[in-house]
Each structure stands twice: as structure tokens, then as C-alpha cells.
Amino acid sequence: MTTADMIRELCDRMNISLAELCRRIGQTPQNFNKKLKRGTVSFDEMMEIAETLGVGYEQAFIFSDGGKIKISNK
């Protein structure tokens, strides 16, 4: 699943449009759609989306023994 797919599914589950998400995070839909197409949504932007919508988000390295090194907002 790509970052764009994740964000679109999040919007579907939160029952908001992508344009509404853009408004809430202070970006234009045109600019944000370009980022989605290029796959250049930053970690900080993902954290902002999660915080704005009240959900958790994490990025992690996962070892074979189950250990993790992660950055998380919750």
C-alpha cells in the first residue's frame, strides 16, 4: 500500500474528502495531490495529518526478533 493509498483510505474511514483534509492541514488540494502522485509526502506531514484527525501514526524499523525502533505520535 502506498502513502497515497493510506491517506485516501484514512479519509474514507474518517468520512472526509481529500480536499477537506488539505484544508485542515493548510495545504491546497492541487499541491497535496502532486505530493501524493510523486510519493513525496513527508513524515512531518504524515504526523500532522494524524494529529489533525486524532489518530496515531508510526514509522518503524522492525527486527526479526520483533524489536522495533520507531517514531510515533501516540
N, C-alpha and C. Protein backbone atom coordinates (compact mmCIF):
# COMPACT_ATOMS: atom_id res chain seq x y z
N MET A 1 0.86 -1.18 0.00
CA MET A 1 0.00 0.00 0.00
C MET A 1 0.89 1.24 0.00
N THR A 2 0.62 2.15 -0.89
CA THR A 2 1.41 3.37 -0.97
C THR A 2 0.92 4.39 0.07
N THR A 3 1.72 5.42 0.26
CA THR A 3 1.33 6.51 1.16
C THR A 3 0.03 7.14 0.68
N ALA A 4 -0.09 7.33 -0.62
CA ALA A 4 -1.31 7.92 -1.19
C ALA A 4 -2.52 7.03 -0.88
N ASP A 5 -2.35 5.71 -1.03
CA ASP A 5 -3.44 4.78 -0.72
C ASP A 5 -3.83 4.87 0.75
N MET A 6 -2.83 4.95 1.62
CA MET A 6 -3.09 5.05 3.06
C MET A 6 -3.89 6.31 3.39
N ILE A 7 -3.50 7.42 2.80
CA ILE A 7 -4.17 8.70 3.08
C ILE A 7 -5.59 8.67 2.54
N ARG A 8 -5.78 8.11 1.35
CA ARG A 8 -7.14 8.03 0.79
C ARG A 8 -8.04 7.12 1.64
N GLU A 9 -7.50 6.00 2.10
CA GLU A 9 -8.28 5.11 2.96
C GLU A 9 -8.60 5.79 4.29
N LEU A 10 -7.64 6.52 4.83
CA LEU A 10 -7.89 7.26 6.07
C LEU A 10 -9.03 8.25 5.88
N CYS A 11 -9.01 8.99 4.78
CA CYS A 11 -10.09 9.94 4.51
C CYS A 11 -11.43 9.21 4.40
N ASP A 12 -11.44 8.07 3.71
CA ASP A 12 -12.68 7.29 3.60
C ASP A 12 -13.20 6.88 4.97
N ARG A 13 -12.31 6.36 5.80
CA ARG A 13 -12.72 5.90 7.13
C ARG A 13 -13.15 7.04 8.05
N MET A 14 -12.55 8.21 7.84
CA MET A 14 -12.90 9.38 8.66
C MET A 14 -14.07 10.15 8.05
N ASN A 15 -14.55 9.67 6.89
CA ASN A 15 -15.68 10.27 6.19
C ASN A 15 -15.45 11.75 5.85
N ILE A 16 -14.24 12.03 5.34
CA ILE A 16 -13.93 13.38 4.85
C ILE A 16 -13.32 13.26 3.46
N SER A 17 -13.42 14.30 2.69
CA SER A 17 -12.80 14.31 1.37
C SER A 17 -11.32 14.64 1.50
N LEU A 18 -10.58 14.32 0.46
CA LEU A 18 -9.17 14.69 0.43
C LEU A 18 -9.03 16.21 0.46
N ALA A 19 -9.94 16.91 -0.21
CA ALA A 19 -9.90 18.37 -0.20
C ALA A 19 -10.11 18.92 1.21
N GLU A 20 -10.99 18.29 1.98
CA GLU A 20 -11.21 18.71 3.37
C GLU A 20 -9.97 18.45 4.21
N LEU A 21 -9.32 17.32 4.00
CA LEU A 21 -8.07 17.05 4.71
C LEU A 21 -7.06 18.14 4.40
N CYS A 22 -6.92 18.48 3.14
CA CYS A 22 -5.98 19.53 2.73
C CYS A 22 -6.28 20.85 3.44
N ARG A 23 -7.55 21.21 3.49
CA ARG A 23 -7.94 22.44 4.16
C ARG A 23 -7.53 22.39 5.63
N ARG A 24 -7.75 21.26 6.28
CA ARG A 24 -7.43 21.14 7.70
C ARG A 24 -5.94 21.21 7.99
N ILE A 25 -5.11 20.75 7.05
CA ILE A 25 -3.67 20.80 7.28
C ILE A 25 -3.01 22.01 6.61
N GLY A 26 -3.83 22.88 6.03
CA GLY A 26 -3.31 24.13 5.49
C GLY A 26 -2.59 24.00 4.17
N GLN A 27 -2.98 23.03 3.34
CA GLN A 27 -2.36 22.88 2.02
C GLN A 27 -3.45 22.95 0.95
N THR A 28 -3.07 23.34 -0.25
CA THR A 28 -4.03 23.34 -1.35
C THR A 28 -4.17 21.91 -1.87
N PRO A 29 -5.37 21.55 -2.31
CA PRO A 29 -5.54 20.21 -2.89
C PRO A 29 -4.61 19.97 -4.08
N GLN A 30 -4.38 21.00 -4.88
CA GLN A 30 -3.50 20.85 -6.05
C GLN A 30 -2.09 20.46 -5.62
N ASN A 31 -1.55 21.19 -4.65
CA ASN A 31 -0.19 20.91 -4.18
C ASN A 31 -0.11 19.54 -3.53
N PHE A 32 -1.09 19.22 -2.68
CA PHE A 32 -1.05 17.95 -1.97
C PHE A 32 -1.22 16.77 -2.92
N ASN A 33 -2.09 16.92 -3.93
CA ASN A 33 -2.25 15.85 -4.92
C ASN A 33 -0.97 15.58 -5.69
N LYS A 34 -0.20 16.64 -5.97
CA LYS A 34 1.10 16.45 -6.63
C LYS A 34 2.04 15.64 -5.74
N LYS A 35 2.03 15.94 -4.44
CA LYS A 35 2.86 15.18 -3.50
C LYS A 35 2.44 13.72 -3.45
N LEU A 36 1.13 13.48 -3.48
CA LEU A 36 0.65 12.10 -3.47
C LEU A 36 1.10 11.35 -4.72
N LYS A 37 0.99 12.00 -5.87
CA LYS A 37 1.38 11.37 -7.13
C LYS A 37 2.88 11.08 -7.18
N ARG A 38 3.68 11.99 -6.62
CA ARG A 38 5.14 11.82 -6.61
C ARG A 38 5.60 10.93 -5.46
N GLY A 39 4.75 10.72 -4.48
CA GLY A 39 5.14 9.94 -3.30
C GLY A 39 6.08 10.70 -2.40
N THR A 40 5.87 12.02 -2.30
CA THR A 40 6.79 12.87 -1.52
C THR A 40 6.15 13.49 -0.29
N VAL A 41 5.11 12.84 0.25
CA VAL A 41 4.52 13.33 1.50
C VAL A 41 5.53 13.03 2.61
N SER A 42 5.92 14.05 3.35
CA SER A 42 6.97 13.89 4.36
C SER A 42 6.43 13.23 5.63
N PHE A 43 7.36 12.73 6.43
CA PHE A 43 6.99 12.16 7.73
C PHE A 43 6.30 13.21 8.59
N ASP A 44 6.82 14.43 8.58
CA ASP A 44 6.20 15.50 9.36
C ASP A 44 4.76 15.77 8.90
N GLU A 45 4.52 15.70 7.59
CA GLU A 45 3.16 15.89 7.08
C GLU A 45 2.25 14.73 7.51
N MET A 46 2.79 13.52 7.52
CA MET A 46 2.00 12.37 7.99
C MET A 46 1.65 12.54 9.46
N MET A 47 2.60 13.01 10.25
CA MET A 47 2.34 13.25 11.67
C MET A 47 1.27 14.33 11.84
N GLU A 48 1.34 15.38 11.01
CA GLU A 48 0.35 16.46 11.09
C GLU A 48 -1.05 15.95 10.72
N ILE A 49 -1.12 15.11 9.70
CA ILE A 49 -2.40 14.52 9.31
C ILE A 49 -2.97 13.70 10.47
N ALA A 50 -2.14 12.87 11.07
CA ALA A 50 -2.59 12.03 12.19
C ALA A 50 -3.08 12.89 13.35
N GLU A 51 -2.31 13.90 13.69
CA GLU A 51 -2.69 14.77 14.81
C GLU A 51 -3.99 15.50 14.50
N THR A 52 -4.11 16.01 13.30
CA THR A 52 -5.30 16.75 12.90
C THR A 52 -6.56 15.88 12.96
N LEU A 53 -6.42 14.61 12.57
CA LEU A 53 -7.58 13.72 12.54
C LEU A 53 -7.73 12.89 13.81
N GLY A 54 -6.82 13.06 14.75
CA GLY A 54 -6.93 12.38 16.03
C GLY A 54 -6.67 10.88 15.97
N VAL A 55 -5.74 10.49 15.11
CA VAL A 55 -5.36 9.08 15.01
C VAL A 55 -3.86 8.96 15.27
N GLY A 56 -3.40 7.75 15.52
CA GLY A 56 -1.98 7.50 15.72
C GLY A 56 -1.28 7.26 14.39
N TYR A 57 0.01 7.49 14.37
CA TYR A 57 0.83 7.19 13.19
C TYR A 57 2.21 6.84 13.70
N GLU A 58 2.80 5.80 13.13
CA GLU A 58 4.17 5.45 13.50
C GLU A 58 4.95 5.02 12.28
N GLN A 59 6.24 5.19 12.37
CA GLN A 59 7.18 4.76 11.34
C GLN A 59 8.22 3.95 12.09
N ALA A 60 8.57 2.76 11.59
CA ALA A 60 9.44 1.90 12.38
C ALA A 60 10.34 1.01 11.53
N PHE A 61 11.48 0.65 12.12
CA PHE A 61 12.29 -0.46 11.64
C PHE A 61 11.91 -1.64 12.52
N ILE A 62 11.65 -2.79 11.92
CA ILE A 62 11.23 -3.96 12.69
C ILE A 62 12.25 -5.07 12.49
N PHE A 63 12.81 -5.56 13.60
CA PHE A 63 13.82 -6.61 13.56
C PHE A 63 13.16 -7.99 13.53
N SER A 64 13.91 -8.99 13.11
CA SER A 64 13.38 -10.35 13.04
C SER A 64 12.94 -10.89 14.39
N ASP A 65 13.54 -10.37 15.48
CA ASP A 65 13.14 -10.82 16.82
C ASP A 65 11.92 -10.06 17.35
N GLY A 66 11.34 -9.19 16.51
CA GLY A 66 10.16 -8.43 16.91
C GLY A 66 10.46 -7.07 17.51
N GLY A 67 11.73 -6.76 17.76
CA GLY A 67 12.10 -5.46 18.29
C GLY A 67 11.85 -4.36 17.28
N LYS A 68 11.58 -3.17 17.78
CA LYS A 68 11.28 -2.03 16.90
C LYS A 68 12.07 -0.80 17.31
N ILE A 69 12.43 -0.04 16.32
CA ILE A 69 12.90 1.34 16.51
C ILE A 69 11.85 2.17 15.79
N LYS A 70 11.12 2.98 16.56
CA LYS A 70 10.02 3.68 15.92
C LYS A 70 9.92 5.13 16.36
N ILE A 71 9.28 5.90 15.49
CA ILE A 71 8.88 7.27 15.77
C ILE A 71 7.36 7.23 15.74
N SER A 72 6.74 7.80 16.72
CA SER A 72 5.29 7.72 16.83
C SER A 72 4.72 9.00 17.39
N ASN A 73 3.45 9.28 17.05
CA ASN A 73 2.80 10.45 17.64
C ASN A 73 1.87 10.05 18.77
N LYS A 74 1.69 8.76 19.02
CA LYS A 74 0.86 8.30 20.14
C LYS A 74 1.42 7.03 20.70
